[in-house]
Protein backbone atom coordinates (compact mmCIF):
# COMPACT_ATOMS: atom_id res chain seq x y z
CA MET A 1 86.73 107.60 113.12
CA PRO A 2 88.57 104.25 113.67
CA GLU A 3 85.68 102.44 111.96
CA LEU A 4 85.76 104.90 109.06
CA ARG A 5 89.53 104.44 108.67
CA LYS A 6 88.99 100.69 108.58
CA GLN A 7 86.43 101.07 105.79
CA TYR A 8 88.71 103.36 103.78
CA SER A 9 91.60 100.92 104.19
CA GLN A 10 89.46 98.29 102.46
CA ILE A 11 88.52 100.63 99.61
CA PHE A 12 91.82 102.41 98.88
CA THR A 13 94.99 100.45 98.08
CA CYS A 14 97.24 103.31 99.29
CA ALA A 15 95.64 103.52 102.75
CA ARG A 16 98.35 101.55 104.53
CA GLY A 17 100.02 102.09 107.89
CA ASN A 18 99.26 105.29 109.82
CA TRP A 19 97.98 107.02 106.67
CA ASP A 20 96.84 110.63 106.46
CA MET A 21 93.64 111.78 104.74
CA PHE A 22 95.50 113.32 101.79
CA VAL A 23 96.67 109.82 100.75
CA ILE A 24 93.20 108.58 99.84
CA PHE A 25 92.27 112.01 98.46
CA VAL A 26 95.09 111.76 95.89
CA GLU A 27 94.30 108.13 95.05
CA LYS A 28 90.67 109.06 94.42
CA GLY A 29 91.74 112.08 92.36
CA ILE A 30 93.89 109.94 90.07
CA LYS A 31 91.01 107.48 89.60
CA LEU A 32 88.66 110.33 88.65
CA CYS A 33 91.00 111.46 85.87
CA SER A 34 90.21 110.29 82.36
CA PHE A 35 92.99 108.44 80.52
CA GLU A 36 95.67 111.02 79.60
CA GLY A 37 94.03 113.41 82.08
CA ILE A 38 96.26 115.78 84.09
CA TYR A 39 95.94 116.22 87.85
CA SER A 40 97.65 118.61 90.28
CA PHE A 41 97.63 118.79 94.08
CA ILE A 42 99.02 120.92 96.89
CA LEU A 43 100.06 118.39 99.55
CA PRO A 44 102.08 118.02 102.75
CA ASN A 45 105.64 117.18 101.72
CA LYS A 46 105.30 113.98 103.75
CA LEU A 47 104.40 112.54 100.34
CA ILE A 48 108.11 112.59 99.48
CA ALA A 49 109.47 110.27 102.20
CA ALA A 50 106.94 109.20 104.84
CA LYS A 51 106.59 105.46 105.27
CA TYR A 52 102.79 105.64 105.08
CA THR A 53 102.95 107.29 101.63
CA SER A 54 105.11 104.58 100.03
CA LYS A 55 102.13 102.91 98.29
CA LEU A 56 100.92 106.27 97.04
CA ARG A 57 104.35 107.06 95.59
CA GLU A 58 104.27 103.70 93.79
CA GLN A 59 100.86 104.49 92.31
CA ILE A 60 101.90 107.98 91.19
CA VAL A 61 104.98 106.64 89.39
CA ALA A 62 103.02 103.73 87.89
CA ASN A 63 101.03 106.36 85.99
CA ASP A 64 103.13 109.36 85.00
CA ILE A 65 104.69 111.98 87.23
CA ILE A 66 105.47 115.28 85.49
CA GLU A 67 106.62 117.66 88.22
CA ILE A 68 107.11 117.96 91.98
CA ARG A 69 107.89 121.29 93.66
CA ASP A 70 109.15 121.49 97.21
CA TYR A 71 107.95 124.65 98.99
CA SER A 72 109.16 123.62 102.45
CA ARG A 73 111.68 126.49 102.58
CA LEU A 74 108.96 129.12 102.08
CA PRO A 75 106.28 130.27 104.57
CA VAL A 76 103.44 129.40 102.19
CA PHE A 77 100.83 128.79 104.89
CA ILE A 78 101.83 131.08 107.75
CA ASN A 79 99.16 129.83 110.15
CA ALA A 80 99.55 126.13 109.39
CA ALA A 81 102.43 123.99 110.65
CA VAL A 82 102.70 122.18 107.32
CA TYR A 83 105.57 122.04 104.84
CA PRO A 84 103.91 121.89 101.40
CA CYS A 85 104.81 120.51 98.02
CA THR A 86 102.93 120.51 94.72
CA ILE A 87 102.65 117.65 92.29
CA VAL A 88 101.54 117.46 88.66
CA GLY A 89 100.87 114.06 87.12
CA ARG A 90 99.04 112.32 84.34
CA ARG A 91 96.83 109.24 84.43
CA THR A 92 98.54 107.15 81.80
CA LEU A 93 101.32 104.60 81.56
CA ALA A 94 104.73 105.62 82.88
CA SER A 95 106.36 104.52 79.62
CA ASN A 96 104.30 106.95 77.52
CA ASP A 97 105.31 110.43 76.25
CA TYR A 98 106.96 111.78 79.38
CA ASN A 99 110.15 109.97 80.33
CA SER A 100 111.37 112.30 83.05
CA CYS A 101 110.08 114.28 86.01
CA ARG A 102 111.01 117.81 87.03
CA PHE A 103 112.07 118.04 90.68
CA ILE A 104 112.00 121.71 91.68
CA VAL A 105 113.14 123.33 94.92
CA MET A 106 111.66 126.74 95.69
CA LYS A 107 114.55 128.37 97.57
CA THR A 108 112.64 131.67 97.40
CA VAL A 109 109.79 132.87 95.19
CA LYS A 110 112.37 133.93 92.58
CA ARG A 111 115.28 131.59 93.31
CA ILE A 112 114.38 128.22 91.86
CA GLU A 113 116.48 125.09 91.37
CA ARG A 114 115.35 122.59 88.73
CA LYS A 115 116.44 119.07 87.99
CA ASN A 116 115.16 116.47 85.50
CA VAL A 117 115.16 112.87 86.69
CA SER A 118 114.32 109.89 84.49
CA LEU A 119 111.25 107.89 85.44
CA GLN A 120 113.36 104.74 85.35
CA GLU A 121 115.46 106.18 88.17
CA ILE A 122 112.38 107.10 90.20
CA ILE A 123 110.58 103.78 89.76
CA GLY A 124 111.43 101.49 92.66
CA SER A 125 113.15 104.27 94.62
CA GLU A 126 111.97 104.49 98.21
CA TYR A 127 113.59 107.89 98.68
CA TRP A 128 112.43 110.90 96.63
CA ASP A 129 114.15 113.59 98.73
CA VAL A 130 117.46 112.78 97.05
CA PHE A 131 116.15 113.89 93.64
CA PHE A 132 115.97 117.51 94.83
CA ARG A 133 119.71 117.65 95.62
CA SER A 134 122.73 118.90 93.70
CA GLU A 135 124.55 116.56 91.32
CA ILE A 136 127.44 115.90 93.72
CA GLU A 137 125.11 115.24 96.67
CA PHE A 138 123.00 112.97 94.46
CA SER A 139 126.16 111.10 93.44
CA ILE A 140 127.23 110.65 97.08
CA ILE A 141 123.80 109.31 98.07
CA LYS A 142 123.79 106.89 95.14
CA ARG A 143 127.08 105.44 96.40
CA PHE A 144 125.67 105.31 99.93
CA LEU A 145 122.60 103.39 98.76
CA ALA A 146 124.50 101.07 96.41
CA SER A 147 125.28 98.47 99.08
CA LYS A 148 122.99 95.44 99.02
CA SER A 149 123.25 94.72 102.74
CA ILE A 150 121.58 96.84 105.41
CA ILE A 151 122.00 97.03 109.18
CA ARG A 152 119.11 94.68 109.98
CA ASP A 153 120.84 91.92 107.99
CA GLU A 154 123.60 91.80 110.60
CA TRP A 155 122.29 93.42 113.80
CA ASN A 156 119.10 93.35 115.85
CA VAL A 157 117.51 96.83 115.95
CA ILE A 158 114.85 97.27 118.65
CA GLY A 159 112.70 100.09 119.96
CA SER A 160 113.73 100.53 123.59
CA ALA A 161 110.28 100.83 125.18
CA THR A 162 106.62 100.90 124.27
CA VAL A 163 104.51 103.86 125.43
CA ALA A 164 102.97 101.71 128.18
CA GLU A 165 106.41 100.52 129.34
CA ALA A 166 107.70 104.10 129.34
CA TYR A 167 105.04 105.14 131.85
CA GLU A 168 105.64 102.07 134.00
CA ILE A 169 109.37 102.88 134.03
CA LYS A 170 108.54 106.46 135.04
CA ASN A 171 106.78 105.11 138.15
CA VAL A 172 109.92 103.29 139.37
CA LEU A 173 112.62 105.81 138.38
CA TYR A 174 114.73 107.22 141.18
CA ASP A 175 117.83 109.40 141.64
CA ALA A 176 120.99 107.77 142.98
CA LYS A 177 124.64 108.26 142.05
CA GLU A 178 125.44 104.77 143.34
CA SER A 179 123.00 101.89 143.79
CA ASP A 180 123.41 98.12 143.81
CA ASP A 181 121.42 95.87 141.47
CA SER A 182 120.23 98.76 139.36
CA LEU A 183 120.61 100.19 135.86
CA LYS A 184 121.38 103.71 134.76
CA VAL A 185 118.74 105.28 132.50
CA ILE A 186 119.47 107.57 129.55
CA ASN A 187 117.28 109.03 126.84
CA THR A 188 117.64 111.19 123.73
CA GLY A 189 118.57 114.30 125.73
CA THR A 190 121.45 112.55 127.50
CA ILE A 191 123.11 110.97 124.47
CA ASP A 192 125.86 112.57 122.38
CA PRO A 193 127.92 110.78 119.71
CA TYR A 194 130.08 108.24 121.61
CA LYS A 195 129.12 109.80 124.98
CA SER A 196 126.54 109.04 127.64
CA LEU A 197 125.74 112.23 129.55
CA TRP A 198 124.40 110.29 132.55
CA GLY A 199 125.45 112.16 135.70
CA TYR A 200 126.65 115.16 133.66
CA LYS A 201 123.30 116.44 132.39
CA ALA A 202 119.88 116.14 134.02
CA MET A 203 117.47 113.84 132.21
CA GLN A 204 113.95 115.06 131.43
CA TYR A 205 111.58 112.09 131.47
CA ILE A 206 107.78 112.43 131.19
CA LYS A 207 107.58 115.72 133.11
CA GLY A 208 110.20 114.60 135.62
CA LYS A 209 113.83 115.67 136.04
CA TYR A 210 116.57 113.31 137.22
CA HIS A 211 120.28 113.99 137.77
CA PHE A 212 121.29 110.35 138.35
CA PRO A 213 118.33 108.37 136.99
CA ARG A 214 118.19 104.69 137.84
CA VAL A 215 115.76 101.79 137.87
CA SER A 216 116.23 98.68 139.97
CA GLN A 217 116.73 95.41 138.13
CA SER A 218 113.83 93.84 140.04
CA ASP A 219 111.44 96.66 139.11
CA LEU A 220 112.43 96.46 135.44
CA ASN A 221 112.06 92.68 135.54
CA ASN A 222 108.51 93.12 136.85
CA ILE A 223 107.76 95.43 133.93
CA SER A 224 109.43 93.27 131.29
CA GLU A 225 111.91 90.41 131.59
CA ARG A 226 112.85 91.05 127.96
CA ARG A 227 113.70 94.71 128.61
CA LEU A 228 115.86 93.69 131.57
CA SER A 229 117.73 91.16 129.43
CA GLN A 230 118.27 93.73 126.66
CA SER A 231 119.44 96.38 129.12
CA MET A 232 121.99 94.05 130.69
CA SER A 233 123.41 93.13 127.27
CA GLU A 234 126.27 94.77 125.40
CA LYS A 235 124.58 97.17 122.97
CA LEU A 236 124.38 100.52 121.27
CA ILE A 237 121.79 103.10 122.33
CA VAL A 238 120.71 105.61 119.68
CA ALA A 239 119.02 108.95 120.36
CA GLY A 240 115.51 109.21 118.97
CA MET A 241 115.19 112.86 118.00
CA SER A 242 118.18 114.75 116.71
CA SER A 243 119.59 116.67 113.76
CA ARG A 244 122.10 113.84 113.28
CA ILE A 245 122.58 110.26 114.44
CA GLU A 246 123.89 110.12 118.01
CA ALA A 247 124.83 106.67 119.27
CA VAL A 248 126.62 105.50 122.40
CA TYR A 249 128.16 102.17 123.44
CA ASP A 250 126.99 100.41 126.61
CA VAL A 251 128.52 97.35 128.24
CA GLY A 252 125.19 96.30 129.80
CA GLU A 253 124.62 98.70 132.65
CA THR A 254 122.10 101.10 131.07
CA LEU A 255 118.42 101.14 130.12
CA GLY A 256 117.59 103.11 127.00
CA GLY A 257 114.64 105.30 127.91
CA LYS A 258 111.62 106.46 125.95
CA SER A 259 112.25 107.33 122.27
CA THR A 260 115.66 105.64 122.02
CA THR A 261 116.59 102.62 119.89
CA ILE A 262 118.95 99.83 120.92
CA ILE A 263 121.12 97.63 118.72
CA LEU A 264 122.30 94.16 119.72
CA GLY A 265 124.85 91.96 117.99
CA ASP A 266 128.54 91.56 117.29
CA GLU A 267 131.15 94.10 116.14
CA LEU A 268 129.26 96.92 117.83
CA ARG A 269 132.28 99.23 117.92
CA PHE A 270 132.60 99.09 114.15
CA LEU A 271 128.88 99.87 113.84
CA LEU A 272 129.19 102.71 116.38
CA GLY A 273 131.88 104.36 114.25
CA LEU A 274 129.73 104.00 111.16
CA LEU A 275 126.57 105.39 112.79
CA ASN A 276 128.34 108.42 114.27
CA SER A 277 130.16 109.20 111.03
CA LYS A 278 129.62 112.38 109.03
CA LEU A 279 128.61 110.46 105.89
CA VAL A 280 125.82 108.47 107.53
CA SER A 281 124.28 111.53 109.21
CA PHE A 282 124.64 113.53 105.97
CA SER A 283 122.85 110.79 104.03
CA ILE A 284 120.06 110.27 106.58
CA ASN A 285 119.39 114.02 106.63
CA ILE A 286 118.95 114.04 102.86
CA LEU A 287 116.96 110.82 102.55
CA TYR A 288 114.43 111.87 105.19
CA ASN A 289 114.56 115.64 104.67
CA SER A 290 110.83 115.99 104.01
CA ILE A 291 109.82 114.36 107.31
CA LYS A 292 111.98 116.60 109.48
CA MET A 293 110.33 118.49 112.29
CA ALA A 294 110.75 122.14 113.24
CA GLY A 295 114.39 123.02 113.83
CA GLY A 296 115.60 120.36 111.40
CA TYR A 297 115.16 117.49 113.87
CA LEU A 298 114.63 113.95 112.64
CA ASN A 299 112.66 111.28 114.44
CA ILE A 300 115.27 108.52 114.25
CA GLY A 301 113.77 105.12 114.97
CA THR A 302 114.10 101.49 113.95
CA ARG A 303 113.07 102.14 110.32
CA GLU A 304 115.73 104.78 109.75
CA ILE A 305 118.48 102.79 111.49
CA GLU A 306 117.85 99.25 110.26
CA ASN A 307 117.71 100.36 106.61
CA ILE A 308 121.12 102.06 106.62
CA PRO A 309 123.20 100.34 103.91
CA ILE A 310 126.33 98.48 105.02
CA PRO A 311 129.06 98.25 102.36
CA GLN A 312 131.07 95.09 101.91
CA THR A 313 134.05 95.29 104.25
CA ASN A 314 136.90 93.02 105.21
CA GLU A 315 138.18 92.23 108.70
CA GLU A 316 141.04 94.72 108.43
CA GLN A 317 138.71 97.61 107.57
CA ARG A 318 136.33 96.80 110.41
CA ASN A 319 139.17 96.42 112.90
CA GLU A 320 140.67 99.75 111.89
CA ILE A 321 137.39 101.54 112.60
CA SER A 322 136.77 99.52 115.79
CA ASN A 323 140.23 100.39 117.14
CA LEU A 324 139.64 104.11 116.60
CA VAL A 325 136.28 103.83 118.37
CA THR A 326 138.02 102.08 121.28
CA GLU A 327 140.47 105.01 121.45
CA ILE A 328 137.52 107.43 121.66
CA LEU A 329 135.82 105.40 124.40
CA ASP A 330 139.08 105.26 126.38
CA LEU A 331 139.66 109.01 125.98
CA THR A 332 136.16 109.97 127.11
CA ARG A 333 135.67 107.39 129.87
CA ASP A 334 136.72 109.79 132.63
CA ASN A 335 136.44 113.06 130.72
CA ILE A 336 133.56 113.54 128.29
CA GLU A 337 134.95 116.98 127.38
CA LYS A 338 138.05 115.37 125.84
CA ASP A 339 138.69 116.46 122.25
CA ILE A 340 138.08 113.48 119.95
CA SER A 341 137.93 115.36 116.64
CA SER A 342 141.17 113.81 115.36
CA GLU A 343 139.86 110.26 115.88
CA GLU A 344 136.47 111.19 114.40
CA ASN A 345 138.11 112.64 111.29
CA LYS A 346 140.11 109.43 110.82
CA ILE A 347 136.92 107.37 111.11
CA ASP A 348 135.15 109.65 108.62
CA ARG A 349 137.89 109.14 106.03
CA LEU A 350 137.71 105.36 106.49
CA ILE A 351 133.92 105.48 106.10
CA TYR A 352 134.25 107.51 102.87
CA SER A 353 136.61 104.85 101.58
CA ILE A 354 134.44 101.81 102.36
CA TYR A 355 131.42 103.45 100.68
CA GLY A 356 133.56 104.10 97.61
CA LEU A 357 133.44 107.91 97.49
CA SER A 358 135.60 109.57 94.84
CA ASP A 359 138.30 112.12 95.73
CA LYS A 360 135.95 114.91 94.61
CA GLU A 361 133.14 113.57 96.79
CA MET A 362 135.44 113.17 99.80
CA LYS A 363 136.62 116.76 99.38
CA TYR A 364 133.01 117.91 99.26
CA MET A 365 132.19 116.02 102.47
CA GLU A 366 135.25 117.38 104.27
CA GLY A 367 134.16 120.90 103.36
CA LEU A 368 130.80 120.58 105.12
């Protein structure tokens, strides 16, 4: 199979990254159409947002896209763990007769939501999920995406461990409430917004359970000097699988375990407030809706984090958010159960402001 995939990657222009078989099936189908011919497919809704379907989306729009229906809310294939969508397109030039595409959400068999989107708006857009949303949600996302800068322009976003490293770390993990020359270890299950649950909640790690998980600095150094250096640096650690972004601040005493992402750089408290804000999680959930897993969970990794837009901000705005984050960290240092909703609400309002939301859009967000 690897050899066959290699051959297909040389034949099909859309077979890029960790592509699925339906990608080349659609590309071949479009090529088989005569000029002005119509094609239609039932596909996994990964087409809408998966990274490996980006080239296919470009090819579909470069011809003519007539309609996409999202059936992910309906149990279409009861015995298959696949969220489907349907697509109708035409092999022609995108500037020809059709100048808009129908984006349709099948809420139920009878309850249908339709929206027409101009091809000009679709062309060049990396995110198709947003076109299925209501007008006010679409407007909010457009403001969110309007910023030219993204997180990777200012911060270093890194996957915390390779699969091989994760298993090596498993071999040297141990339980100890106190231990010299060691690092605490947290993973997705022991991260809440602003809060490390180390010592409060047991960590599940590759079929093991640890109440006070640690790894010695020398053992981690033997595995990877780079991972030791990163772990002993001031950073943010972001949970890898969640229904929202959950990020925590670390002064340099914690190793981010398997499936987490770490962020290095300056002004980390400002970034922490932004990542844990309601607007950013709302936007990420919409932009990557079609690649959610069962239960509405998102696999949040370097791609999702480093591409988050950062609006232009001045020193005063960043300091205001950073100071509120510092208040939260102080409040929860000795009591993670402390109510921080007031500080979070203040941060949310500041985030709405720096992204330029209107009063109507802010009111909508506050009602969620």
